[in-house]
Amino acid sequence: MISIIGIITEIMGIYLISRIAPWLTPVYVVSILFMIIALYRWGEFGLVLILVFSVAGFLAGKYLHTKGGTYYTWQAFISDFIGLLGTSIVLLLKKKFHKNEINKSVYGLLGMSFATIISVVFLQGTTYAILSNQNWVSSLVSHFFDSLFALLATMVFIIVIKNQNVIVDVKENLIATAEERRKEKEYYKEYTKEIVVKKNDKKKT
């Protein structure tokens, strides 16, 4: 479900940006945000979405952007794919810091998001510079400006969904929910026993 929403939003975002700011050639608008959510929720399983978002963003740019034929080349596709691998830093941050220290604090989430975007831009810009024989620094600067919409969208949505139980570890949530249900069952079991004992005591008296 998340991947479908992400793909549709990404295609719409690239189309709108090409009309509002045609000098920008973004591939990521919300892909990074959805990758952060997916990796935080599902761990390593979220990595499969990298290919999905890379293909969706590339095709949307190539056929919907006004500069589709000039920028969205095979070099751009490979660099964008490699760039999205940078979102795996979310997995490292989850292991490095306690999960609750990240998703319970808006500053923790924003810090994780910013680090993720910087990691993506670094890998994307470096790969593109190598494949197209471009100056490394100018490639990084260019890709950073192209990612400004992604940066803004990610930061805004992170603040909005912070308290919506979206950026959570699904596995841990399932374990916690199962534990709560187990405790509830034990409580009601004990409570039922008490009622039965009291009724029996009344009958004896």
C-alpha atoms as a PDB file:
ATOM      1  CA  MET A   1       0.000   0.000   0.000  1.00  0.00           C
ATOM      2  CA  ILE A   2       2.803   2.408   0.956  1.00  0.00           C
ATOM      3  CA  SER A   3       4.638   1.684  -2.300  1.00  0.00           C
ATOM      4  CA  ILE A   4       1.524   2.357  -4.420  1.00  0.00           C
ATOM      5  CA  ILE A   5       0.839   5.669  -2.670  1.00  0.00           C
ATOM      6  CA  GLY A   6       4.525   6.567  -2.991  1.00  0.00           C
ATOM      7  CA  ILE A   7       4.664   5.823  -6.720  1.00  0.00           C
ATOM      8  CA  ILE A   8       1.524   7.842  -7.491  1.00  0.00           C
ATOM      9  CA  THR A   9       2.688  10.778  -5.347  1.00  0.00           C
ATOM     10  CA  GLU A  10       6.167  10.650  -6.895  1.00  0.00           C
ATOM     11  CA  ILE A  11       4.828  10.756 -10.462  1.00  0.00           C
ATOM     12  CA  MET A  12       2.490  13.641  -9.613  1.00  0.00           C
ATOM     13  CA  GLY A  13       5.279  15.487  -7.803  1.00  0.00           C
ATOM     14  CA  ILE A  14       7.733  15.272 -10.701  1.00  0.00           C
ATOM     15  CA  TYR A  15       5.040  16.379 -13.135  1.00  0.00           C
ATOM     16  CA  LEU A  16       4.091  19.408 -11.002  1.00  0.00           C
ATOM     17  CA  ILE A  17       7.718  20.420 -10.405  1.00  0.00           C
ATOM     18  CA  SER A  18       8.427  20.258 -14.142  1.00  0.00           C
ATOM     19  CA  ARG A  19       5.640  22.795 -14.625  1.00  0.00           C
ATOM     20  CA  ILE A  20       6.400  25.011 -11.618  1.00  0.00           C
ATOM     21  CA  ALA A  21      10.211  24.903 -11.686  1.00  0.00           C
ATOM     22  CA  PRO A  22      11.301  23.385 -15.025  1.00  0.00           C
ATOM     23  CA  TRP A  23      14.968  24.225 -14.379  1.00  0.00           C
ATOM     24  CA  LEU A  24      15.009  21.507 -11.685  1.00  0.00           C
ATOM     25  CA  THR A  25      15.312  17.862 -12.729  1.00  0.00           C
ATOM     26  CA  PRO A  26      14.368  15.853  -9.645  1.00  0.00           C
ATOM     27  CA  VAL A  27      13.939  12.108  -9.491  1.00  0.00           C
ATOM     28  CA  TYR A  28      13.110  12.077  -5.804  1.00  0.00           C
ATOM     29  CA  VAL A  29      10.168  14.047  -4.489  1.00  0.00           C
ATOM     30  CA  VAL A  30       8.645  11.720  -1.902  1.00  0.00           C
ATOM     31  CA  SER A  31      10.627   8.532  -2.604  1.00  0.00           C
ATOM     32  CA  ILE A  32      13.086   9.266   0.195  1.00  0.00           C
ATOM     33  CA  LEU A  33      10.252   9.891   2.652  1.00  0.00           C
ATOM     34  CA  PHE A  34       8.538   6.621   1.737  1.00  0.00           C
ATOM     35  CA  MET A  35      11.847   4.742   1.881  1.00  0.00           C
ATOM     36  CA  ILE A  36      12.452   6.087   5.408  1.00  0.00           C
ATOM     37  CA  ILE A  37       8.986   4.918   6.446  1.00  0.00           C
ATOM     38  CA  ALA A  38       9.376   1.510   4.775  1.00  0.00           C
ATOM     39  CA  LEU A  39      12.839   0.830   6.210  1.00  0.00           C
ATOM     40  CA  TYR A  40      11.825   1.944   9.686  1.00  0.00           C
ATOM     41  CA  ARG A  41       8.667  -0.182   9.604  1.00  0.00           C
ATOM     42  CA  TRP A  42       9.913  -3.338   7.875  1.00  0.00           C
ATOM     43  CA  GLY A  43      13.690  -3.196   8.247  1.00  0.00           C
ATOM     44  CA  GLU A  44      15.748  -4.806   5.466  1.00  0.00           C
ATOM     45  CA  PHE A  45      12.579  -5.905   3.631  1.00  0.00           C
ATOM     46  CA  GLY A  46      11.957  -2.243   2.740  1.00  0.00           C
ATOM     47  CA  LEU A  47      15.054  -2.256   0.509  1.00  0.00           C
ATOM     48  CA  VAL A  48      13.082  -3.950  -2.291  1.00  0.00           C
ATOM     49  CA  LEU A  49      11.267  -0.638  -2.832  1.00  0.00           C
ATOM     50  CA  ILE A  50      14.496   1.003  -4.015  1.00  0.00           C
ATOM     51  CA  LEU A  51      14.120  -0.509  -7.480  1.00  0.00           C
ATOM     52  CA  VAL A  52      10.392   0.302  -7.557  1.00  0.00           C
ATOM     53  CA  PHE A  53      10.874   3.981  -6.737  1.00  0.00           C
ATOM     54  CA  SER A  54      13.939   4.298  -8.993  1.00  0.00           C
ATOM     55  CA  VAL A  55      12.029   2.995 -12.009  1.00  0.00           C
ATOM     56  CA  ALA A  56       8.905   5.045 -11.220  1.00  0.00           C
ATOM     57  CA  GLY A  57      10.858   8.276 -10.712  1.00  0.00           C
ATOM     58  CA  PHE A  58      12.993   7.766 -13.803  1.00  0.00           C
ATOM     59  CA  LEU A  59      10.055   6.978 -16.112  1.00  0.00           C
ATOM     60  CA  ALA A  60       8.018   9.877 -14.716  1.00  0.00           C
ATOM     61  CA  GLY A  61      10.932  12.246 -15.326  1.00  0.00           C
ATOM     62  CA  LYS A  62      11.695  10.913 -18.791  1.00  0.00           C
ATOM     63  CA  TYR A  63       8.138  11.105 -20.110  1.00  0.00           C
ATOM     64  CA  LEU A  64       6.513  13.832 -18.007  1.00  0.00           C
ATOM     65  CA  HIS A  65       9.320  16.338 -17.400  1.00  0.00           C
ATOM     66  CA  THR A  66      10.027  19.032 -19.979  1.00  0.00           C
ATOM     67  CA  LYS A  67      13.726  18.040 -19.898  1.00  0.00           C
ATOM     68  CA  GLY A  68      12.975  14.326 -19.974  1.00  0.00           C
ATOM     69  CA  GLY A  69      15.069  13.566 -23.042  1.00  0.00           C
ATOM     70  CA  THR A  70      18.184  15.449 -21.944  1.00  0.00           C
ATOM     71  CA  TYR A  71      18.644  14.607 -18.254  1.00  0.00           C
ATOM     72  CA  TYR A  72      16.830  11.329 -17.634  1.00  0.00           C
ATOM     73  CA  THR A  73      19.432   9.076 -19.280  1.00  0.00           C
ATOM     74  CA  TRP A  74      20.805   5.667 -18.302  1.00  0.00           C
ATOM     75  CA  GLN A  75      23.536   7.415 -16.284  1.00  0.00           C
ATOM     76  CA  ALA A  76      20.837   9.262 -14.352  1.00  0.00           C
ATOM     77  CA  PHE A  77      18.886   6.052 -13.730  1.00  0.00           C
ATOM     78  CA  ILE A  78      21.910   4.175 -12.355  1.00  0.00           C
ATOM     79  CA  SER A  79      22.985   7.113 -10.191  1.00  0.00           C
ATOM     80  CA  ASP A  80      19.430   7.514  -8.871  1.00  0.00           C
ATOM     81  CA  PHE A  81      19.246   3.816  -8.031  1.00  0.00           C
ATOM     82  CA  ILE A  82      22.633   3.912  -6.265  1.00  0.00           C
ATOM     83  CA  GLY A  83      21.527   7.114  -4.540  1.00  0.00           C
ATOM     84  CA  LEU A  84      18.440   5.486  -3.029  1.00  0.00           C
ATOM     85  CA  LEU A  85      20.706   2.845  -1.518  1.00  0.00           C
ATOM     86  CA  GLY A  86      21.764   5.685   0.751  1.00  0.00           C
ATOM     87  CA  THR A  87      18.409   5.380   2.522  1.00  0.00           C
ATOM     88  CA  SER A  88      19.789   2.221   4.139  1.00  0.00           C
ATOM     89  CA  ILE A  89      21.433   4.576   6.637  1.00  0.00           C
ATOM     90  CA  VAL A  90      18.048   4.400   8.404  1.00  0.00           C
ATOM     91  CA  LEU A  91      18.826   0.785   9.310  1.00  0.00           C
ATOM     92  CA  LEU A  92      22.211   1.787  10.728  1.00  0.00           C
ATOM     93  CA  LEU A  93      20.690   4.608  12.773  1.00  0.00           C
ATOM     94  CA  LYS A  94      18.035   2.243  14.177  1.00  0.00           C
ATOM     95  CA  LYS A  95      20.796  -0.071  15.403  1.00  0.00           C
ATOM     96  CA  LYS A  96      23.065   2.721  16.600  1.00  0.00           C
ATOM     97  CA  PHE A  97      20.421   4.547  18.599  1.00  0.00           C
ATOM     98  CA  HIS A  98      17.484   3.197  20.556  1.00  0.00           C
ATOM     99  CA  LYS A  99      14.407   3.220  18.311  1.00  0.00           C
ATOM    100  CA  ASN A 100      12.351   5.166  20.839  1.00  0.00           C
ATOM    101  CA  GLU A 101      14.972   7.916  20.910  1.00  0.00           C
ATOM    102  CA  ILE A 102      14.372   8.481  17.197  1.00  0.00           C
ATOM    103  CA  ASN A 103      10.666   8.078  16.492  1.00  0.00           C
ATOM    104  CA  LYS A 104       9.457   9.610  19.765  1.00  0.00           C
ATOM    105  CA  SER A 105      11.294  12.870  19.116  1.00  0.00           C
ATOM    106  CA  VAL A 106      10.609  15.201  16.203  1.00  0.00           C
ATOM    107  CA  TYR A 107      14.259  16.286  16.334  1.00  0.00           C
ATOM    108  CA  GLY A 108      15.358  12.658  16.137  1.00  0.00           C
ATOM    109  CA  LEU A 109      13.152  12.051  13.097  1.00  0.00           C
ATOM    110  CA  LEU A 110      14.282  15.251  11.383  1.00  0.00           C
ATOM    111  CA  GLY A 111      17.923  14.415  12.092  1.00  0.00           C
ATOM    112  CA  MET A 112      17.477  10.926  10.658  1.00  0.00           C
ATOM    113  CA  SER A 113      15.699  12.349   7.589  1.00  0.00           C
ATOM    114  CA  PHE A 114      18.370  14.969   6.953  1.00  0.00           C
ATOM    115  CA  ALA A 115      21.173  12.402   7.313  1.00  0.00           C
ATOM    116  CA  THR A 116      19.314  10.108   4.898  1.00  0.00           C
ATOM    117  CA  ILE A 117      18.904  12.808   2.244  1.00  0.00           C
ATOM    118  CA  ILE A 118      22.557  13.859   2.509  1.00  0.00           C
ATOM    119  CA  SER A 119      23.589  10.212   2.132  1.00  0.00           C
ATOM    120  CA  VAL A 120      21.343   9.801  -0.929  1.00  0.00           C
ATOM    121  CA  VAL A 121      22.574  13.003  -2.592  1.00  0.00           C
ATOM    122  CA  PHE A 122      26.221  12.084  -1.933  1.00  0.00           C
ATOM    123  CA  LEU A 123      25.886   8.638  -3.539  1.00  0.00           C
ATOM    124  CA  GLN A 124      23.721   9.942  -6.374  1.00  0.00           C
ATOM    125  CA  GLY A 125      25.975  12.886  -7.213  1.00  0.00           C
ATOM    126  CA  THR A 126      29.183  10.856  -6.941  1.00  0.00           C
ATOM    127  CA  THR A 127      27.860   8.052  -9.168  1.00  0.00           C
ATOM    128  CA  TYR A 128      26.585  10.502 -11.775  1.00  0.00           C
ATOM    129  CA  ALA A 129      29.915  12.350 -11.831  1.00  0.00           C
ATOM    130  CA  ILE A 130      31.786   9.087 -12.453  1.00  0.00           C
ATOM    131  CA  LEU A 131      29.423   7.810 -15.164  1.00  0.00           C
ATOM    132  CA  SER A 132      29.166  11.097 -17.055  1.00  0.00           C
ATOM    133  CA  ASN A 133      32.751  12.366 -16.509  1.00  0.00           C
ATOM    134  CA  GLN A 134      31.384  15.411 -14.704  1.00  0.00           C
ATOM    135  CA  ASN A 135      33.116  17.462 -12.033  1.00  0.00           C
ATOM    136  CA  TRP A 136      32.407  15.801  -8.671  1.00  0.00           C
ATOM    137  CA  VAL A 137      31.684  18.997  -6.712  1.00  0.00           C
ATOM    138  CA  SER A 138      29.401  20.486  -9.369  1.00  0.00           C
ATOM    139  CA  SER A 139      27.549  17.165  -9.608  1.00  0.00           C
ATOM    140  CA  LEU A 140      26.966  17.121  -5.841  1.00  0.00           C
ATOM    141  CA  VAL A 141      25.781  20.739  -5.840  1.00  0.00           C
ATOM    142  CA  SER A 142      23.469  20.113  -8.808  1.00  0.00           C
ATOM    143  CA  HIS A 143      21.919  17.016  -7.245  1.00  0.00           C
ATOM    144  CA  PHE A 144      21.528  18.776  -3.913  1.00  0.00           C
ATOM    145  CA  PHE A 145      19.489  21.592  -5.504  1.00  0.00           C
ATOM    146  CA  ASP A 146      17.458  19.037  -7.459  1.00  0.00           C
ATOM    147  CA  SER A 147      16.679  17.351  -4.133  1.00  0.00           C
ATOM    148  CA  LEU A 148      15.432  20.494  -2.372  1.00  0.00           C
ATOM    149  CA  PHE A 149      11.801  19.562  -2.987  1.00  0.00           C
ATOM    150  CA  ALA A 150      12.487  16.097  -1.584  1.00  0.00           C
ATOM    151  CA  LEU A 151      14.165  17.659   1.442  1.00  0.00           C
ATOM    152  CA  LEU A 152      11.269  20.057   2.043  1.00  0.00           C
ATOM    153  CA  ALA A 153       8.584  17.398   1.474  1.00  0.00           C
ATOM    154  CA  THR A 154      10.325  14.935   3.779  1.00  0.00           C
ATOM    155  CA  MET A 155      10.807  17.429   6.611  1.00  0.00           C
ATOM    156  CA  VAL A 156       7.221  18.706   6.431  1.00  0.00           C
ATOM    157  CA  PHE A 157       5.617  15.264   6.271  1.00  0.00           C
ATOM    158  CA  ILE A 158       7.841  13.924   9.058  1.00  0.00           C
ATOM    159  CA  ILE A 159       6.499  16.664  11.351  1.00  0.00           C
ATOM    160  CA  VAL A 160       2.905  16.016  10.230  1.00  0.00           C
ATOM    161  CA  ILE A 161       2.957  12.218  10.685  1.00  0.00           C
ATOM    162  CA  LYS A 162       5.140  12.196  13.786  1.00  0.00           C
ATOM    163  CA  ASN A 163       2.253  11.292  16.108  1.00  0.00           C
ATOM    164  CA  GLN A 164       0.322   9.116  13.648  1.00  0.00           C
ATOM    165  CA  ASN A 165       2.084   5.791  14.412  1.00  0.00           C
ATOM    166  CA  VAL A 166       3.440   5.653  10.866  1.00  0.00           C
ATOM    167  CA  ILE A 167       7.187   5.608  11.568  1.00  0.00           C
ATOM    168  CA  VAL A 168       7.211   2.607  13.873  1.00  0.00           C
ATOM    169  CA  ASP A 169       8.891  -0.779  13.908  1.00  0.00           C
ATOM    170  CA  VAL A 170       6.087  -3.123  12.789  1.00  0.00           C
ATOM    171  CA  LYS A 171       7.757  -6.221  14.245  1.00  0.00           C
ATOM    172  CA  GLU A 172       8.177  -4.611  17.650  1.00  0.00           C
ATOM    173  CA  ASN A 173       4.613  -3.301  17.523  1.00  0.00           C
ATOM    174  CA  LEU A 174       3.245  -6.767  16.788  1.00  0.00           C
ATOM    175  CA  ILE A 175       5.257  -8.247  19.657  1.00  0.00           C
ATOM    176  CA  ALA A 176       4.104  -5.487  22.031  1.00  0.00           C
ATOM    177  CA  THR A 177       0.472  -5.917  20.950  1.00  0.00           C
ATOM    178  CA  ALA A 178       0.662  -9.689  21.429  1.00  0.00           C
ATOM    179  CA  GLU A 179       2.164  -9.175  24.877  1.00  0.00           C
ATOM    180  CA  GLU A 180      -0.602  -6.733  25.840  1.00  0.00           C
ATOM    181  CA  ARG A 181      -3.273  -9.187  24.706  1.00  0.00           C
ATOM    182  CA  ARG A 182      -1.603 -11.981  26.661  1.00  0.00           C
ATOM    183  CA  LYS A 183      -1.622  -9.836  29.802  1.00  0.00           C
ATOM    184  CA  GLU A 184      -5.259  -8.885  29.212  1.00  0.00           C
ATOM    185  CA  LYS A 185      -6.230 -12.543  28.895  1.00  0.00           C
ATOM    186  CA  GLU A 186      -4.365 -13.372  32.100  1.00  0.00           C
ATOM    187  CA  TYR A 187      -6.048 -10.485  33.893  1.00  0.00           C
ATOM    188  CA  TYR A 188      -9.549 -11.506  32.806  1.00  0.00           C
ATOM    189  CA  LYS A 189      -8.761 -15.120  33.628  1.00  0.00           C
ATOM    190  CA  GLU A 190      -7.739 -14.172  37.149  1.00  0.00           C
ATOM    191  CA  TYR A 191     -10.698 -11.818  37.444  1.00  0.00           C
ATOM    192  CA  THR A 192     -13.096 -14.600  36.402  1.00  0.00           C
ATOM    193  CA  LYS A 193     -11.530 -16.951  38.929  1.00  0.00           C
ATOM    194  CA  GLU A 194     -12.062 -14.393  41.694  1.00  0.00           C
ATOM    195  CA  ILE A 195     -15.733 -14.009  40.775  1.00  0.00           C
ATOM    196  CA  VAL A 196     -16.230 -17.786  40.768  1.00  0.00           C
ATOM    197  CA  VAL A 197     -14.495 -18.117  44.166  1.00  0.00           C
ATOM    198  CA  LYS A 198     -16.654 -15.348  45.649  1.00  0.00           C
ATOM    199  CA  LYS A 199     -19.842 -16.975  44.329  1.00  0.00           C
ATOM    200  CA  ASN A 200     -18.802 -20.311  45.785  1.00  0.00           C
ATOM    201  CA  ASP A 201     -18.052 -18.688  49.131  1.00  0.00           C
ATOM    202  CA  LYS A 202     -21.489 -17.089  49.164  1.00  0.00           C
ATOM    203  CA  LYS A 203     -23.131 -20.409  48.436  1.00  0.00           C
ATOM    204  CA  LYS A 204     -21.282 -22.049  51.311  1.00  0.00           C
ATOM    205  CA  THR A 205     -22.401 -19.339  53.699  1.00  0.00           C
END
